C-alpha cells in the first residue's frame, strides 16, 4: 500500500537538491523514498549536522589573514576603536 505525502520547501533548495539527485541518476521522489526507508530501517535520521566547509572566498580570506599574521604586517589593537580607525585610515578600504 502506498500513500502520497506533500511538503513545502523553498524552491531554490528544491532545485539545488534536484541537481544533486540528478548527478546520482535519481529524482527527488526516489531520494525521499530512500531517505524514509533508511530512517525506518536504521531507526535514525541520517543527516550530517556538521558545519559546512568554508567556500573559496572564505578560504582566501583565511589565507590572507594567516599571511598577514606570519609576516607581521597585521597590527595589534587594544580596542575596537583603534582597529576601526586603522581600517578607515587605510586607503584600500
C-alpha atoms as a PDB file:
ATOM      1  CA  UNK A   1       0.000   0.000   0.000  1.00  0.00           C
ATOM      2  CA  UNK A   2       1.330   3.455  -0.917  1.00  0.00           C
ATOM      3  CA  UNK A   3       0.481   6.917   0.300  1.00  0.00           C
ATOM      4  CA  UNK A   4       1.131  10.405  -1.010  1.00  0.00           C
ATOM      5  CA  UNK A   5       2.825  12.999   1.154  1.00  0.00           C
ATOM      6  CA  UNK A   6       3.147  16.669   0.180  1.00  0.00           C
ATOM      7  CA  UNK A   7       5.779  19.002   1.649  1.00  0.00           C
ATOM      8  CA  UNK A   8       6.512  22.691   1.332  1.00  0.00           C
ATOM      9  CA  UNK A   9      10.111  23.573   0.580  1.00  0.00           C
ATOM     10  CA  UNK A  10      11.933  26.644  -0.659  1.00  0.00           C
ATOM     11  CA  UNK A  11      12.131  26.452  -4.448  1.00  0.00           C
ATOM     12  CA  UNK A  12      15.860  27.229  -4.545  1.00  0.00           C
ATOM     13  CA  UNK A  13      16.600  24.420  -2.074  1.00  0.00           C
ATOM     14  CA  UNK A  14      14.427  22.043  -4.095  1.00  0.00           C
ATOM     15  CA  UNK A  15      16.232  22.953  -7.318  1.00  0.00           C
ATOM     16  CA  UNK A  16      19.683  22.554  -5.770  1.00  0.00           C
ATOM     17  CA  UNK A  17      18.699  19.224  -4.222  1.00  0.00           C
ATOM     18  CA  UNK A  18      17.305  18.090  -7.586  1.00  0.00           C
ATOM     19  CA  UNK A  19      20.674  18.855  -9.207  1.00  0.00           C
ATOM     20  CA  UNK A  20      22.467  16.686  -6.654  1.00  0.00           C
ATOM     21  CA  UNK A  21      19.953  13.871  -7.073  1.00  0.00           C
ATOM     22  CA  UNK A  22      20.292  14.088 -10.864  1.00  0.00           C
ATOM     23  CA  UNK A  23      24.080  13.817 -10.543  1.00  0.00           C
ATOM     24  CA  UNK A  24      23.496  10.422  -8.927  1.00  0.00           C
ATOM     25  CA  UNK A  25      20.937   9.432 -11.544  1.00  0.00           C
ATOM     26  CA  UNK A  26      17.963   9.896  -9.220  1.00  0.00           C
ATOM     27  CA  UNK A  27      14.981  12.173  -8.898  1.00  0.00           C
ATOM     28  CA  UNK A  28      13.807  13.840  -5.689  1.00  0.00           C
ATOM     29  CA  UNK A  29      10.950  11.399  -5.174  1.00  0.00           C
ATOM     30  CA  UNK A  30      13.378   8.455  -5.273  1.00  0.00           C
ATOM     31  CA  UNK A  31      15.746  10.181  -2.872  1.00  0.00           C
ATOM     32  CA  UNK A  32      12.886  10.962  -0.498  1.00  0.00           C
ATOM     33  CA  UNK A  33      11.657   7.358  -0.548  1.00  0.00           C
ATOM     34  CA  UNK A  34      15.206   6.118   0.063  1.00  0.00           C
ATOM     35  CA  UNK A  35      15.616   8.541   2.969  1.00  0.00           C
ATOM     36  CA  UNK A  36      12.399   7.377   4.609  1.00  0.00           C
ATOM     37  CA  UNK A  37      13.310   3.721   4.057  1.00  0.00           C
ATOM     38  CA  UNK A  38      16.696   4.288   5.693  1.00  0.00           C
ATOM     39  CA  UNK A  39      15.075   6.063   8.665  1.00  0.00           C
ATOM     40  CA  UNK A  40      12.691   3.141   9.138  1.00  0.00           C
ATOM     41  CA  UNK A  41      15.448   0.531   8.719  1.00  0.00           C
ATOM     42  CA  UNK A  42      18.077   2.146  10.974  1.00  0.00           C
ATOM     43  CA  UNK A  43      15.756   3.932  13.417  1.00  0.00           C
ATOM     44  CA  UNK A  44      17.976   7.002  12.952  1.00  0.00           C
ATOM     45  CA  UNK A  45      17.775  10.222  10.979  1.00  0.00           C
ATOM     46  CA  UNK A  46      20.771  10.055   8.617  1.00  0.00           C
ATOM     47  CA  UNK A  47      21.688  13.729   8.499  1.00  0.00           C
ATOM     48  CA  UNK A  48      25.141  15.219   8.739  1.00  0.00           C
ATOM     49  CA  UNK A  49      24.806  18.152  11.099  1.00  0.00           C
ATOM     50  CA  UNK A  50      28.474  19.116  10.932  1.00  0.00           C
ATOM     51  CA  UNK A  51      29.457  22.601   9.956  1.00  0.00           C
ATOM     52  CA  UNK A  52      29.853  23.208   6.263  1.00  0.00           C
ATOM     53  CA  UNK A  53      33.260  23.638   4.704  1.00  0.00           C
ATOM     54  CA  UNK A  54      34.159  27.277   4.003  1.00  0.00           C
ATOM     55  CA  UNK A  55      33.658  28.473   0.434  1.00  0.00           C
ATOM     56  CA  UNK A  56      36.546  29.661  -1.744  1.00  0.00           C
ATOM     57  CA  UNK A  57      36.071  33.318  -0.770  1.00  0.00           C
ATOM     58  CA  UNK A  58      36.294  32.439   2.914  1.00  0.00           C
ATOM     59  CA  UNK A  59      39.319  30.205   2.334  1.00  0.00           C
ATOM     60  CA  UNK A  60      41.062  33.076   0.546  1.00  0.00           C
ATOM     61  CA  UNK A  61      40.300  35.440   3.455  1.00  0.00           C
ATOM     62  CA  UNK A  62      41.689  32.861   5.885  1.00  0.00           C
ATOM     63  CA  UNK A  63      44.875  32.514   3.797  1.00  0.00           C
ATOM     64  CA  UNK A  64      45.306  36.293   3.622  1.00  0.00           C
ATOM     65  CA  UNK A  65      44.881  36.607   7.378  1.00  0.00           C
ATOM     66  CA  UNK A  66      47.375  33.823   8.056  1.00  0.00           C
ATOM     67  CA  UNK A  67      49.888  35.519   5.719  1.00  0.00           C
ATOM     68  CA  UNK A  68      49.395  38.865   7.480  1.00  0.00           C
ATOM     69  CA  UNK A  69      49.979  37.266  10.864  1.00  0.00           C
ATOM     70  CA  UNK A  70      53.035  35.324   9.665  1.00  0.00           C
ATOM     71  CA  UNK A  71      54.594  38.393   8.029  1.00  0.00           C
ATOM     72  CA  UNK A  72      53.939  40.664  10.991  1.00  0.00           C
ATOM     73  CA  UNK A  73      52.099  43.143   8.747  1.00  0.00           C
ATOM     74  CA  UNK A  74      48.900  42.806  10.734  1.00  0.00           C
ATOM     75  CA  UNK A  75      48.638  45.308  13.542  1.00  0.00           C
ATOM     76  CA  UNK A  76      47.536  44.688  17.081  1.00  0.00           C
ATOM     77  CA  UNK A  77      44.887  46.865  18.598  1.00  0.00           C
ATOM     78  CA  UNK A  78      43.863  47.363  22.202  1.00  0.00           C
ATOM     79  CA  UNK A  79      40.328  48.452  21.369  1.00  0.00           C
ATOM     80  CA  UNK A  80      37.811  48.078  18.596  1.00  0.00           C
ATOM     81  CA  UNK A  81      38.028  51.848  18.049  1.00  0.00           C
ATOM     82  CA  UNK A  82      41.778  51.552  17.301  1.00  0.00           C
ATOM     83  CA  UNK A  83      41.036  48.795  14.797  1.00  0.00           C
ATOM     84  CA  UNK A  84      38.296  50.815  13.090  1.00  0.00           C
ATOM     85  CA  UNK A  85      40.440  53.962  12.983  1.00  0.00           C
ATOM     86  CA  UNK A  86      43.276  51.985  11.356  1.00  0.00           C
ATOM     87  CA  UNK A  87      40.909  50.368   8.858  1.00  0.00           C
ATOM     88  CA  UNK A  88      39.322  53.681   7.922  1.00  0.00           C
ATOM     89  CA  UNK A  89      42.738  55.313   7.536  1.00  0.00           C
ATOM     90  CA  UNK A  90      43.746  52.596   5.052  1.00  0.00           C
ATOM     91  CA  UNK A  91      43.163  53.954   1.533  1.00  0.00           C
ATOM     92  CA  UNK A  92      42.252  50.488   0.221  1.00  0.00           C
ATOM     93  CA  UNK A  93      39.172  50.197   2.456  1.00  0.00           C
END
